[in-house]
Amino acid sequence: MAEPAPRSSVSAAATQTLPARRIRVLGVPLDMGASRRGVDMGPSALRVAGLEARLEALGHHVTDGGNIRVEVAETRASGSNNARYLSEITETCTRTAESVLASLEQGEMPLVLGGDHSLAAGSISGVAEFYRRREQKIGLIWIDAHSDINTPDTSPSGNVHGMPLAALMGLGPEPLSNLFGFAPKVAPENTVLLGVRNIDAPERSNIRRSGIAHVFTMRDIDERGMRAVMEEALRAAGRGTAGYHVSLDLDWIDPEDAPGVGTPVRGGATYREAHLAMEILADHGRLLSFEIVEVNPVLDEHNRTADLAVELACSAFGKKIL
């Protein structure tokens, strides 16, 4: 009788790494969409935390494309109270969309650093346009404590960083919804909200209006576990698409682990839950583009939120424990 093969504590999956990617880092130091200032320094904080070197240590080729030009809030009038700085944010999102599109056309994966979450209306529009020209759809995984699906008519604050998902779904504000001349940018059946726990009453109605069916709250994660939720989320975002964009707002993570965010909400994902989500994302291998937003160094402690963000990016791009 043949002897059984020796047991090993290292599985094949644990030792595999992602194929090397060509990644282009794009900073978007935008803070006009939020009430609390400081997220404009987020791209610098992530760079200081060693983003490029740590991704290159995984075998990826990383090019830093610098920062998208952003106007200074103090030099501009805020405009309408129900969508403050909308014109300036639209200008920034247009430049972001064009830069993301150009990166993809050059065979590079965009890694966008924010900045407040309003920039996602631009970054995701650029990805969607690239694949639309190839007659393909994209999926979207929106990882956030908030749903960011207010419109100027429903927003209690007028802060545009609470509106980008509404814009992407074609609900408005119109200038952001109409980037590249089509809407919605992502089909609602391929759009996933993950880890939400602070949703305004009008946003609940907007979620229903948009047709988004896949909304996983922190309760879902508590009850079902991160693996089950992530697997279902990735199936939904990937069904009939070229792959998916991941928009990661650091306020998704509990403030105990990520204090440097502008709108912290207790009860978020733990350090290990966040890493597990990113590791599962890497295992599936269908990531098209990635962004990290709402890191606010002014509110941080020794840059540890930015450092965590870089750690999570590394997990998403293939870093393994073994």
C-alpha atoms as a PDB file:
ATOM      1  CA  MET A   1       0.000   0.000   0.000  1.00  0.00           C
ATOM      2  CA  ALA A   2       1.333   3.392  -0.947  1.00  0.00           C
ATOM      3  CA  GLU A   3       2.106   5.677   1.935  1.00  0.00           C
ATOM      4  CA  PRO A   4      -0.147   8.751   2.252  1.00  0.00           C
ATOM      5  CA  ALA A   5       1.323  12.013   1.074  1.00  0.00           C
ATOM      6  CA  PRO A   6       2.755  14.093   3.909  1.00  0.00           C
ATOM      7  CA  ARG A   7       0.415  16.699   5.323  1.00  0.00           C
ATOM      8  CA  SER A   8       1.300  20.302   4.640  1.00  0.00           C
ATOM      9  CA  SER A   9       0.046  23.393   6.414  1.00  0.00           C
ATOM     10  CA  VAL A  10       0.622  25.466   3.257  1.00  0.00           C
ATOM     11  CA  SER A  11      -2.176  25.158   0.692  1.00  0.00           C
ATOM     12  CA  ALA A  12      -1.639  25.776  -3.009  1.00  0.00           C
ATOM     13  CA  ALA A  13      -3.917  28.816  -2.830  1.00  0.00           C
ATOM     14  CA  ALA A  14      -1.833  30.284  -0.044  1.00  0.00           C
ATOM     15  CA  THR A  15       1.381  30.139  -2.061  1.00  0.00           C
ATOM     16  CA  GLN A  16      -0.024  31.461  -5.342  1.00  0.00           C
ATOM     17  CA  THR A  17       0.426  35.097  -6.282  1.00  0.00           C
ATOM     18  CA  LEU A  18      -1.387  37.234  -8.827  1.00  0.00           C
ATOM     19  CA  PRO A  19       0.213  37.705 -12.236  1.00  0.00           C
ATOM     20  CA  ALA A  20       2.309  40.859 -12.343  1.00  0.00           C
ATOM     21  CA  ARG A  21       0.248  43.873 -13.297  1.00  0.00           C
ATOM     22  CA  ARG A  22       1.132  47.248 -14.706  1.00  0.00           C
ATOM     23  CA  ILE A  23      -0.423  49.691 -12.249  1.00  0.00           C
ATOM     24  CA  ARG A  24      -0.736  53.437 -12.665  1.00  0.00           C
ATOM     25  CA  VAL A  25      -1.257  55.424  -9.490  1.00  0.00           C
ATOM     26  CA  LEU A  26      -3.385  58.559  -9.892  1.00  0.00           C
ATOM     27  CA  GLY A  27      -3.863  60.974  -6.997  1.00  0.00           C
ATOM     28  CA  VAL A  28      -7.023  63.064  -6.807  1.00  0.00           C
ATOM     29  CA  PRO A  29      -6.535  65.547  -3.923  1.00  0.00           C
ATOM     30  CA  LEU A  30     -10.176  66.614  -3.948  1.00  0.00           C
ATOM     31  CA  ASP A  31     -11.836  67.841  -0.763  1.00  0.00           C
ATOM     32  CA  MET A  32     -14.599  70.085  -2.102  1.00  0.00           C
ATOM     33  CA  GLY A  33     -17.199  67.351  -1.711  1.00  0.00           C
ATOM     34  CA  ALA A  34     -16.941  67.120   2.076  1.00  0.00           C
ATOM     35  CA  SER A  35     -17.559  69.399   5.041  1.00  0.00           C
ATOM     36  CA  ARG A  36     -14.383  68.477   6.919  1.00  0.00           C
ATOM     37  CA  ARG A  37     -11.174  69.516   5.237  1.00  0.00           C
ATOM     38  CA  GLY A  38      -8.026  67.436   4.982  1.00  0.00           C
ATOM     39  CA  VAL A  39      -8.751  64.580   2.586  1.00  0.00           C
ATOM     40  CA  ASP A  40      -6.878  66.497  -0.112  1.00  0.00           C
ATOM     41  CA  MET A  41      -3.747  65.260   1.684  1.00  0.00           C
ATOM     42  CA  GLY A  42      -4.862  61.638   1.413  1.00  0.00           C
ATOM     43  CA  PRO A  43      -2.870  60.819  -1.754  1.00  0.00           C
ATOM     44  CA  SER A  44       0.319  62.123  -0.133  1.00  0.00           C
ATOM     45  CA  ALA A  45      -0.329  60.114   3.031  1.00  0.00           C
ATOM     46  CA  LEU A  46      -0.751  56.917   1.024  1.00  0.00           C
ATOM     47  CA  ARG A  47       2.442  57.581  -0.899  1.00  0.00           C
ATOM     48  CA  VAL A  48       4.333  58.297   2.332  1.00  0.00           C
ATOM     49  CA  ALA A  49       3.063  54.946   3.641  1.00  0.00           C
ATOM     50  CA  GLY A  50       5.067  53.248   0.883  1.00  0.00           C
ATOM     51  CA  LEU A  51       2.329  52.279  -1.570  1.00  0.00           C
ATOM     52  CA  GLU A  52       4.537  52.055  -4.659  1.00  0.00           C
ATOM     53  CA  ALA A  53       7.387  50.130  -3.023  1.00  0.00           C
ATOM     54  CA  ARG A  54       5.059  47.687  -1.302  1.00  0.00           C
ATOM     55  CA  LEU A  55       3.177  46.899  -4.507  1.00  0.00           C
ATOM     56  CA  GLU A  56       6.430  46.496  -6.417  1.00  0.00           C
ATOM     57  CA  ALA A  57       7.632  44.062  -3.744  1.00  0.00           C
ATOM     58  CA  LEU A  58       4.702  41.861  -4.830  1.00  0.00           C
ATOM     59  CA  GLY A  59       6.089  41.817  -8.384  1.00  0.00           C
ATOM     60  CA  HIS A  60       3.903  44.500  -9.925  1.00  0.00           C
ATOM     61  CA  HIS A  61       5.231  47.309 -12.101  1.00  0.00           C
ATOM     62  CA  VAL A  62       4.002  50.598 -10.658  1.00  0.00           C
ATOM     63  CA  THR A  63       4.094  54.028 -12.295  1.00  0.00           C
ATOM     64  CA  ASP A  64       3.033  57.092 -10.355  1.00  0.00           C
ATOM     65  CA  GLY A  65       1.081  59.368 -12.680  1.00  0.00           C
ATOM     66  CA  GLY A  66       1.050  62.227 -10.178  1.00  0.00           C
ATOM     67  CA  ASN A  67      -2.048  64.137  -9.142  1.00  0.00           C
ATOM     68  CA  ILE A  68      -5.073  65.233 -11.112  1.00  0.00           C
ATOM     69  CA  ARG A  69      -5.377  69.029 -11.043  1.00  0.00           C
ATOM     70  CA  VAL A  70      -7.910  70.188  -8.458  1.00  0.00           C
ATOM     71  CA  GLU A  71      -9.043  73.737  -7.797  1.00  0.00           C
ATOM     72  CA  VAL A  72      -8.573  75.247  -4.344  1.00  0.00           C
ATOM     73  CA  ALA A  73     -11.892  75.665  -2.535  1.00  0.00           C
ATOM     74  CA  GLU A  74     -10.933  79.035  -1.056  1.00  0.00           C
ATOM     75  CA  THR A  75     -10.512  80.492  -4.546  1.00  0.00           C
ATOM     76  CA  ARG A  76     -13.997  79.490  -5.727  1.00  0.00           C
ATOM     77  CA  ALA A  77     -17.570  80.264  -4.751  1.00  0.00           C
ATOM     78  CA  SER A  78     -19.353  77.218  -3.348  1.00  0.00           C
ATOM     79  CA  GLY A  79     -22.384  77.645  -5.601  1.00  0.00           C
ATOM     80  CA  SER A  80     -25.752  76.088  -4.820  1.00  0.00           C
ATOM     81  CA  ASN A  81     -26.300  74.979  -1.236  1.00  0.00           C
ATOM     82  CA  ASN A  82     -27.818  71.680  -2.355  1.00  0.00           C
ATOM     83  CA  ALA A  83     -24.696  70.644  -4.338  1.00  0.00           C
ATOM     84  CA  ARG A  84     -21.763  72.738  -3.208  1.00  0.00           C
ATOM     85  CA  TYR A  85     -18.808  73.156  -5.594  1.00  0.00           C
ATOM     86  CA  LEU A  86     -20.593  70.988  -8.171  1.00  0.00           C
ATOM     87  CA  SER A  87     -18.985  72.791 -11.116  1.00  0.00           C
ATOM     88  CA  GLU A  88     -15.452  72.390  -9.735  1.00  0.00           C
ATOM     89  CA  ILE A  89     -16.060  68.774  -8.758  1.00  0.00           C
ATOM     90  CA  THR A  90     -17.374  68.028 -12.247  1.00  0.00           C
ATOM     91  CA  GLU A  91     -14.218  69.545 -13.747  1.00  0.00           C
ATOM     92  CA  THR A  92     -12.042  67.355 -11.515  1.00  0.00           C
ATOM     93  CA  CYS A  93     -14.115  64.249 -12.246  1.00  0.00           C
ATOM     94  CA  THR A  94     -13.865  64.906 -15.980  1.00  0.00           C
ATOM     95  CA  ARG A  95     -10.071  65.124 -15.755  1.00  0.00           C
ATOM     96  CA  THR A  96     -10.023  61.995 -13.572  1.00  0.00           C
ATOM     97  CA  ALA A  97     -12.209  60.063 -16.015  1.00  0.00           C
ATOM     98  CA  GLU A  98      -9.976  61.003 -18.937  1.00  0.00           C
ATOM     99  CA  SER A  99      -6.816  59.999 -17.059  1.00  0.00           C
ATOM    100  CA  VAL A 100      -8.312  56.661 -16.009  1.00  0.00           C
ATOM    101  CA  LEU A 101      -9.424  56.002 -19.577  1.00  0.00           C
ATOM    102  CA  ALA A 102      -5.945  56.844 -20.902  1.00  0.00           C
ATOM    103  CA  SER A 103      -4.322  54.506 -18.363  1.00  0.00           C
ATOM    104  CA  LEU A 104      -6.510  51.605 -19.448  1.00  0.00           C
ATOM    105  CA  GLU A 105      -5.845  52.344 -23.105  1.00  0.00           C
ATOM    106  CA  GLN A 106      -2.125  52.076 -22.336  1.00  0.00           C
ATOM    107  CA  GLY A 107      -2.621  48.681 -20.723  1.00  0.00           C
ATOM    108  CA  GLU A 108      -2.261  49.938 -17.154  1.00  0.00           C
ATOM    109  CA  MET A 109      -4.607  49.299 -14.247  1.00  0.00           C
ATOM    110  CA  PRO A 110      -5.703  52.536 -12.546  1.00  0.00           C
ATOM    111  CA  LEU A 111      -5.187  52.775  -8.795  1.00  0.00           C
ATOM    112  CA  VAL A 112      -6.861  56.029  -7.746  1.00  0.00           C
ATOM    113  CA  LEU A 113      -6.054  57.720  -4.451  1.00  0.00           C
ATOM    114  CA  GLY A 114      -8.471  60.170  -2.862  1.00  0.00           C
ATOM    115  CA  GLY A 115      -9.519  62.669  -1.902  1.00  0.00           C
ATOM    116  CA  ASP A 116     -13.210  62.588  -1.062  1.00  0.00           C
ATOM    117  CA  HIS A 117     -15.590  60.037  -2.539  1.00  0.00           C
ATOM    118  CA  SER A 118     -17.106  62.405  -5.092  1.00  0.00           C
ATOM    119  CA  LEU A 119     -14.100  61.590  -7.311  1.00  0.00           C
ATOM    120  CA  ALA A 120     -15.623  58.144  -7.933  1.00  0.00           C
ATOM    121  CA  ALA A 121     -18.080  59.691 -10.367  1.00  0.00           C
ATOM    122  CA  GLY A 122     -15.045  60.389 -12.550  1.00  0.00           C
ATOM    123  CA  SER A 123     -12.880  57.330 -11.995  1.00  0.00           C
ATOM    124  CA  ILE A 124     -15.690  54.830 -12.560  1.00  0.00           C
ATOM    125  CA  SER A 125     -16.946  56.759 -15.592  1.00  0.00           C
ATOM    126  CA  GLY A 126     -13.492  56.370 -17.136  1.00  0.00           C
ATOM    127  CA  VAL A 127     -13.472  52.614 -16.561  1.00  0.00           C
ATOM    128  CA  ALA A 128     -17.033  52.223 -17.818  1.00  0.00           C
ATOM    129  CA  GLU A 129     -16.250  54.212 -20.977  1.00  0.00           C
ATOM    130  CA  PHE A 130     -13.173  52.114 -21.738  1.00  0.00           C
ATOM    131  CA  TYR A 131     -15.193  48.894 -21.662  1.00  0.00           C
ATOM    132  CA  ARG A 132     -18.262  50.433 -23.335  1.00  0.00           C
ATOM    133  CA  ARG A 133     -16.090  51.149 -26.389  1.00  0.00           C
ATOM    134  CA  ARG A 134     -15.397  47.410 -26.419  1.00  0.00           C
ATOM    135  CA  GLU A 135     -19.092  46.590 -26.016  1.00  0.00           C
ATOM    136  CA  GLN A 136     -18.544  45.266 -22.506  1.00  0.00           C
ATOM    137  CA  LYS A 137     -20.038  46.101 -19.132  1.00  0.00           C
ATOM    138  CA  ILE A 138     -18.328  46.520 -15.781  1.00  0.00           C
ATOM    139  CA  GLY A 139     -19.394  45.660 -12.263  1.00  0.00           C
ATOM    140  CA  LEU A 140     -19.015  47.878  -9.218  1.00  0.00           C
ATOM    141  CA  ILE A 141     -18.345  46.960  -5.599  1.00  0.00           C
ATOM    142  CA  TRP A 142     -18.952  49.989  -3.384  1.00  0.00           C
ATOM    143  CA  ILE A 143     -17.372  49.334   0.014  1.00  0.00           C
ATOM    144  CA  ASP A 144     -18.445  52.078   2.383  1.00  0.00           C
ATOM    145  CA  ALA A 145     -20.209  52.874   5.638  1.00  0.00           C
ATOM    146  CA  HIS A 146     -22.524  55.074   3.548  1.00  0.00           C
ATOM    147  CA  SER A 147     -24.466  54.491   0.347  1.00  0.00           C
ATOM    148  CA  ASP A 148     -23.544  57.888  -1.190  1.00  0.00           C
ATOM    149  CA  ILE A 149     -26.688  57.849  -3.291  1.00  0.00           C
ATOM    150  CA  ASN A 150     -28.201  61.189  -2.330  1.00  0.00           C
ATOM    151  CA  THR A 151     -29.097  63.698  -5.032  1.00  0.00           C
ATOM    152  CA  PRO A 152     -29.236  67.493  -4.738  1.00  0.00           C
ATOM    153  CA  ASP A 153     -32.965  67.107  -4.029  1.00  0.00           C
ATOM    154  CA  THR A 154     -32.482  64.643  -1.170  1.00  0.00           C
ATOM    155  CA  SER A 155     -29.129  65.597   0.361  1.00  0.00           C
ATOM    156  CA  PRO A 156     -29.408  67.042   3.882  1.00  0.00           C
ATOM    157  CA  SER A 157     -25.953  68.645   3.620  1.00  0.00           C
ATOM    158  CA  GLY A 158     -25.381  69.524  -0.027  1.00  0.00           C
ATOM    159  CA  ASN A 159     -22.031  67.707   0.151  1.00  0.00           C
ATOM    160  CA  VAL A 160     -21.329  66.075  -3.202  1.00  0.00           C
ATOM    161  CA  HIS A 161     -19.266  63.272  -1.655  1.00  0.00           C
ATOM    162  CA  GLY A 162     -22.656  61.865  -0.628  1.00  0.00           C
ATOM    163  CA  MET A 163     -23.837  61.803  -4.269  1.00  0.00           C
ATOM    164  CA  PRO A 164     -21.372  59.924  -6.526  1.00  0.00           C
ATOM    165  CA  LEU A 165     -23.252  56.616  -6.598  1.00  0.00           C
ATOM    166  CA  ALA A 166     -26.431  58.484  -7.500  1.00  0.00           C
ATOM    167  CA  ALA A 167     -24.544  60.110 -10.371  1.00  0.00           C
ATOM    168  CA  LEU A 168     -23.207  56.761 -11.574  1.00  0.00           C
ATOM    169  CA  MET A 169     -26.725  55.290 -11.472  1.00  0.00           C
ATOM    170  CA  GLY A 170     -28.044  58.186 -13.561  1.00  0.00           C
ATOM    171  CA  LEU A 171     -30.064  59.820 -10.780  1.00  0.00           C
ATOM    172  CA  GLY A 172     -28.039  63.056 -10.793  1.00  0.00           C
ATOM    173  CA  PRO A 173     -26.631  65.551 -10.254  1.00  0.00           C
ATOM    174  CA  GLU A 174     -26.856  65.858 -14.021  1.00  0.00           C
ATOM    175  CA  PRO A 175     -23.340  67.181 -14.793  1.00  0.00           C
ATOM    176  CA  LEU A 176     -21.767  64.175 -13.045  1.00  0.00           C
ATOM    177  CA  SER A 177     -24.285  61.675 -14.410  1.00  0.00           C
ATOM    178  CA  ASN A 178     -23.630  62.776 -17.994  1.00  0.00           C
ATOM    179  CA  LEU A 179     -19.854  62.275 -18.155  1.00  0.00           C
ATOM    180  CA  PHE A 180     -19.102  60.689 -21.564  1.00  0.00           C
ATOM    181  CA  GLY A 181     -22.771  61.172 -22.464  1.00  0.00           C
ATOM    182  CA  PHE A 182     -24.334  57.983 -21.109  1.00  0.00           C
ATOM    183  CA  ALA A 183     -25.989  56.741 -17.924  1.00  0.00           C
ATOM    184  CA  PRO A 184     -26.078  54.637 -15.895  1.00  0.00           C
ATOM    185  CA  LYS A 185     -22.368  53.876 -15.929  1.00  0.00           C
ATOM    186  CA  VAL A 186     -22.936  50.496 -14.277  1.00  0.00           C
ATOM    187  CA  ALA A 187     -26.028  48.315 -14.554  1.00  0.00           C
ATOM    188  CA  PRO A 188     -27.874  48.148 -11.226  1.00  0.00           C
ATOM    189  CA  GLU A 189     -27.805  44.348 -11.252  1.00  0.00           C
ATOM    190  CA  ASN A 190     -23.981  44.518 -11.336  1.00  0.00           C
ATOM    191  CA  THR A 191     -23.730  47.143  -8.586  1.00  0.00           C
ATOM    192  CA  VAL A 192     -23.063  45.996  -5.030  1.00  0.00           C
ATOM    193  CA  LEU A 193     -23.107  47.967  -1.783  1.00  0.00           C
ATOM    194  CA  LEU A 194     -20.975  46.261   0.850  1.00  0.00           C
ATOM    195  CA  GLY A 195     -20.754  47.007   4.564  1.00  0.00           C
ATOM    196  CA  VAL A 196     -23.159  49.952   4.675  1.00  0.00           C
ATOM    197  CA  ARG A 197     -24.459  50.963   8.095  1.00  0.00           C
ATOM    198  CA  ASN A 198     -25.470  54.638   7.859  1.00  0.00           C
ATOM    199  CA  ILE A 199     -28.107  55.333   5.208  1.00  0.00           C
ATOM    200  CA  ASP A 200     -30.375  58.408   5.092  1.00  0.00           C
ATOM    201  CA  ALA A 201     -34.108  57.761   4.678  1.00  0.00           C
ATOM    202  CA  PRO A 202     -34.200  59.403   1.214  1.00  0.00           C
ATOM    203  CA  GLU A 203     -31.242  57.250   0.196  1.00  0.00           C
ATOM    204  CA  ARG A 204     -33.290  54.126   0.862  1.00  0.00           C
ATOM    205  CA  SER A 205     -35.788  55.400  -1.685  1.00  0.00           C
ATOM    206  CA  ASN A 206     -32.978  56.224  -4.129  1.00  0.00           C
ATOM    207  CA  ILE A 207     -31.573  52.715  -3.798  1.00  0.00           C
ATOM    208  CA  ARG A 208     -34.979  51.333  -4.773  1.00  0.00           C
ATOM    209  CA  ARG A 209     -35.304  53.860  -7.628  1.00  0.00           C
ATOM    210  CA  SER A 210     -31.905  52.892  -8.973  1.00  0.00           C
ATOM    211  CA  GLY A 211     -32.747  49.194  -9.089  1.00  0.00           C
ATOM    212  CA  ILE A 212     -29.702  48.157  -7.046  1.00  0.00           C
ATOM    213  CA  ALA A 213     -30.627  44.749  -5.628  1.00  0.00           C
ATOM    214  CA  HIS A 214     -27.401  43.714  -3.920  1.00  0.00           C
ATOM    215  CA  VAL A 215     -27.014  45.657  -0.675  1.00  0.00           C
ATOM    216  CA  PHE A 216     -25.062  43.956   2.119  1.00  0.00           C
ATOM    217  CA  THR A 217     -25.177  45.764   5.437  1.00  0.00           C
ATOM    218  CA  MET A 218     -22.874  45.167   8.381  1.00  0.00           C
ATOM    219  CA  ARG A 219     -25.644  43.013   9.830  1.00  0.00           C
ATOM    220  CA  ASP A 220     -25.355  40.711   6.818  1.00  0.00           C
ATOM    221  CA  ILE A 221     -21.621  40.437   7.455  1.00  0.00           C
ATOM    222  CA  ASP A 222     -22.232  39.794  11.166  1.00  0.00           C
ATOM    223  CA  GLU A 223     -24.797  37.077  10.491  1.00  0.00           C
ATOM    224  CA  ARG A 224     -23.348  35.375   7.415  1.00  0.00           C
ATOM    225  CA  GLY A 225     -19.632  36.080   7.682  1.00  0.00           C
ATOM    226  CA  MET A 226     -17.345  38.011   5.367  1.00  0.00           C
ATOM    227  CA  ARG A 227     -16.529  35.091   3.062  1.00  0.00           C
ATOM    228  CA  ALA A 228     -20.161  34.297   2.198  1.00  0.00           C
ATOM    229  CA  VAL A 229     -20.997  37.962   1.634  1.00  0.00           C
ATOM    230  CA  MET A 230     -17.905  38.657  -0.488  1.00  0.00           C
ATOM    231  CA  GLU A 231     -18.432  35.586  -2.652  1.00  0.00           C
ATOM    232  CA  GLU A 232     -22.018  36.613  -3.378  1.00  0.00           C
ATOM    233  CA  ALA A 233     -20.975  40.217  -4.004  1.00  0.00           C
ATOM    234  CA  LEU A 234     -18.300  39.198  -6.495  1.00  0.00           C
ATOM    235  CA  ARG A 235     -20.691  36.881  -8.317  1.00  0.00           C
ATOM    236  CA  ALA A 236     -23.223  39.696  -8.691  1.00  0.00           C
ATOM    237  CA  ALA A 237     -20.665  42.267  -9.861  1.00  0.00           C
ATOM    238  CA  GLY A 238     -19.031  39.785 -12.219  1.00  0.00           C
ATOM    239  CA  ARG A 239     -22.125  38.332 -13.873  1.00  0.00           C
ATOM    240  CA  GLY A 240     -21.944  39.198 -17.579  1.00  0.00           C
ATOM    241  CA  THR A 241     -19.190  41.806 -17.084  1.00  0.00           C
ATOM    242  CA  ALA A 242     -15.547  42.190 -18.008  1.00  0.00           C
ATOM    243  CA  GLY A 243     -14.785  42.402 -14.269  1.00  0.00           C
ATOM    244  CA  TYR A 244     -15.296  45.014 -11.607  1.00  0.00           C
ATOM    245  CA  HIS A 245     -14.123  48.270 -10.139  1.00  0.00           C
ATOM    246  CA  VAL A 246     -13.728  48.401  -6.360  1.00  0.00           C
ATOM    247  CA  SER A 247     -14.339  51.698  -4.568  1.00  0.00           C
ATOM    248  CA  LEU A 248     -13.017  51.459  -1.011  1.00  0.00           C
ATOM    249  CA  ASP A 249     -13.940  54.186   1.463  1.00  0.00           C
ATOM    250  CA  LEU A 250     -11.827  53.821   4.594  1.00  0.00           C
ATOM    251  CA  ASP A 251     -14.784  54.745   6.797  1.00  0.00           C
ATOM    252  CA  TRP A 252     -16.072  51.225   6.048  1.00  0.00           C
ATOM    253  CA  ILE A 253     -13.570  50.051   8.642  1.00  0.00           C
ATOM    254  CA  ASP A 254     -14.301  50.580  12.310  1.00  0.00           C
ATOM    255  CA  PRO A 255     -12.870  53.877  13.647  1.00  0.00           C
ATOM    256  CA  GLU A 256     -10.843  51.900  16.193  1.00  0.00           C
ATOM    257  CA  ASP A 257      -8.668  50.713  13.302  1.00  0.00           C
ATOM    258  CA  ALA A 258      -9.159  53.626  10.888  1.00  0.00           C
ATOM    259  CA  PRO A 259      -9.500  56.878  12.858  1.00  0.00           C
ATOM    260  CA  GLY A 260      -8.313  59.150  10.045  1.00  0.00           C
ATOM    261  CA  VAL A 261     -11.573  59.527   8.117  1.00  0.00           C
ATOM    262  CA  GLY A 262     -13.967  62.448   7.843  1.00  0.00           C
ATOM    263  CA  THR A 263     -17.242  60.652   8.603  1.00  0.00           C
ATOM    264  CA  PRO A 264     -16.483  57.810  11.040  1.00  0.00           C
ATOM    265  CA  VAL A 265     -19.292  55.443  12.019  1.00  0.00           C
ATOM    266  CA  ARG A 266     -18.955  52.917  14.824  1.00  0.00           C
ATOM    267  CA  GLY A 267     -19.515  49.226  14.106  1.00  0.00           C
ATOM    268  CA  GLY A 268     -17.470  48.852  10.949  1.00  0.00           C
ATOM    269  CA  ALA A 269     -15.375  46.035   9.560  1.00  0.00           C
ATOM    270  CA  THR A 270     -12.519  44.823  11.717  1.00  0.00           C
ATOM    271  CA  TYR A 271      -8.898  44.794  10.623  1.00  0.00           C
ATOM    272  CA  ARG A 272      -9.026  41.082   9.746  1.00  0.00           C
ATOM    273  CA  GLU A 273     -12.443  41.261   8.090  1.00  0.00           C
ATOM    274  CA  ALA A 274     -11.149  44.020   5.820  1.00  0.00           C
ATOM    275  CA  HIS A 275      -8.068  42.023   4.875  1.00  0.00           C
ATOM    276  CA  LEU A 276     -10.141  38.901   4.257  1.00  0.00           C
ATOM    277  CA  ALA A 277     -12.404  40.840   1.884  1.00  0.00           C
ATOM    278  CA  MET A 278      -9.392  42.071  -0.083  1.00  0.00           C
ATOM    279  CA  GLU A 279      -7.773  38.627  -0.132  1.00  0.00           C
ATOM    280  CA  ILE A 280     -10.966  37.060  -1.521  1.00  0.00           C
ATOM    281  CA  LEU A 281     -11.080  39.823  -4.117  1.00  0.00           C
ATOM    282  CA  ALA A 282      -7.530  38.934  -5.172  1.00  0.00           C
ATOM    283  CA  ASP A 283      -8.363  35.219  -5.305  1.00  0.00           C
ATOM    284  CA  HIS A 284     -11.068  35.862  -7.916  1.00  0.00           C
ATOM    285  CA  GLY A 285      -8.645  37.745 -10.177  1.00  0.00           C
ATOM    286  CA  ARG A 286     -11.220  39.913 -11.977  1.00  0.00           C
ATOM    287  CA  LEU A 287     -10.295  43.328 -10.598  1.00  0.00           C
ATOM    288  CA  LEU A 288     -10.275  45.981 -13.345  1.00  0.00           C
ATOM    289  CA  SER A 289      -9.468  49.066 -11.277  1.00  0.00           C
ATOM    290  CA  PHE A 290      -9.297  50.135  -7.666  1.00  0.00           C
ATOM    291  CA  GLU A 291      -9.629  53.281  -5.623  1.00  0.00           C
ATOM    292  CA  ILE A 292      -9.067  54.253  -2.003  1.00  0.00           C
ATOM    293  CA  VAL A 293     -10.833  57.351  -0.717  1.00  0.00           C
ATOM    294  CA  GLU A 294     -11.542  59.493   2.344  1.00  0.00           C
ATOM    295  CA  VAL A 295      -8.203  59.096   4.152  1.00  0.00           C
ATOM    296  CA  ASN A 296      -7.863  62.294   6.192  1.00  0.00           C
ATOM    297  CA  PRO A 297      -4.360  62.773   7.665  1.00  0.00           C
ATOM    298  CA  VAL A 298      -5.546  65.764   9.707  1.00  0.00           C
ATOM    299  CA  LEU A 299      -7.700  63.397  11.759  1.00  0.00           C
ATOM    300  CA  ASP A 300      -5.318  60.433  11.721  1.00  0.00           C
ATOM    301  CA  GLU A 301      -2.907  59.079  14.336  1.00  0.00           C
ATOM    302  CA  HIS A 302       0.686  58.785  13.075  1.00  0.00           C
ATOM    303  CA  ASN A 303      -0.594  58.010   9.538  1.00  0.00           C
ATOM    304  CA  ARG A 304      -1.960  54.631  10.639  1.00  0.00           C
ATOM    305  CA  THR A 305      -5.152  54.913   8.561  1.00  0.00           C
ATOM    306  CA  ALA A 306      -3.078  55.521   5.430  1.00  0.00           C
ATOM    307  CA  ASP A 307      -0.801  52.643   6.391  1.00  0.00           C
ATOM    308  CA  LEU A 308      -3.831  50.354   6.762  1.00  0.00           C
ATOM    309  CA  ALA A 309      -5.121  51.531   3.388  1.00  0.00           C
ATOM    310  CA  VAL A 310      -1.824  50.545   1.780  1.00  0.00           C
ATOM    311  CA  GLU A 311      -1.916  47.170   3.532  1.00  0.00           C
ATOM    312  CA  LEU A 312      -5.412  46.556   2.156  1.00  0.00           C
ATOM    313  CA  ALA A 313      -4.338  47.567  -1.345  1.00  0.00           C
ATOM    314  CA  CYS A 314      -1.518  45.040  -1.101  1.00  0.00           C
ATOM    315  CA  SER A 315      -3.977  42.314  -0.075  1.00  0.00           C
ATOM    316  CA  ALA A 316      -6.216  43.237  -3.024  1.00  0.00           C
ATOM    317  CA  PHE A 317      -3.219  42.943  -5.350  1.00  0.00           C
ATOM    318  CA  GLY A 318      -2.194  39.515  -4.169  1.00  0.00           C
ATOM    319  CA  LYS A 319      -0.291  39.691  -0.881  1.00  0.00           C
ATOM    320  CA  LYS A 320      -0.690  36.433   1.072  1.00  0.00           C
ATOM    321  CA  ILE A 321       0.058  35.456   4.636  1.00  0.00           C
ATOM    322  CA  LEU A 322       2.022  32.449   3.316  1.00  0.00           C
END
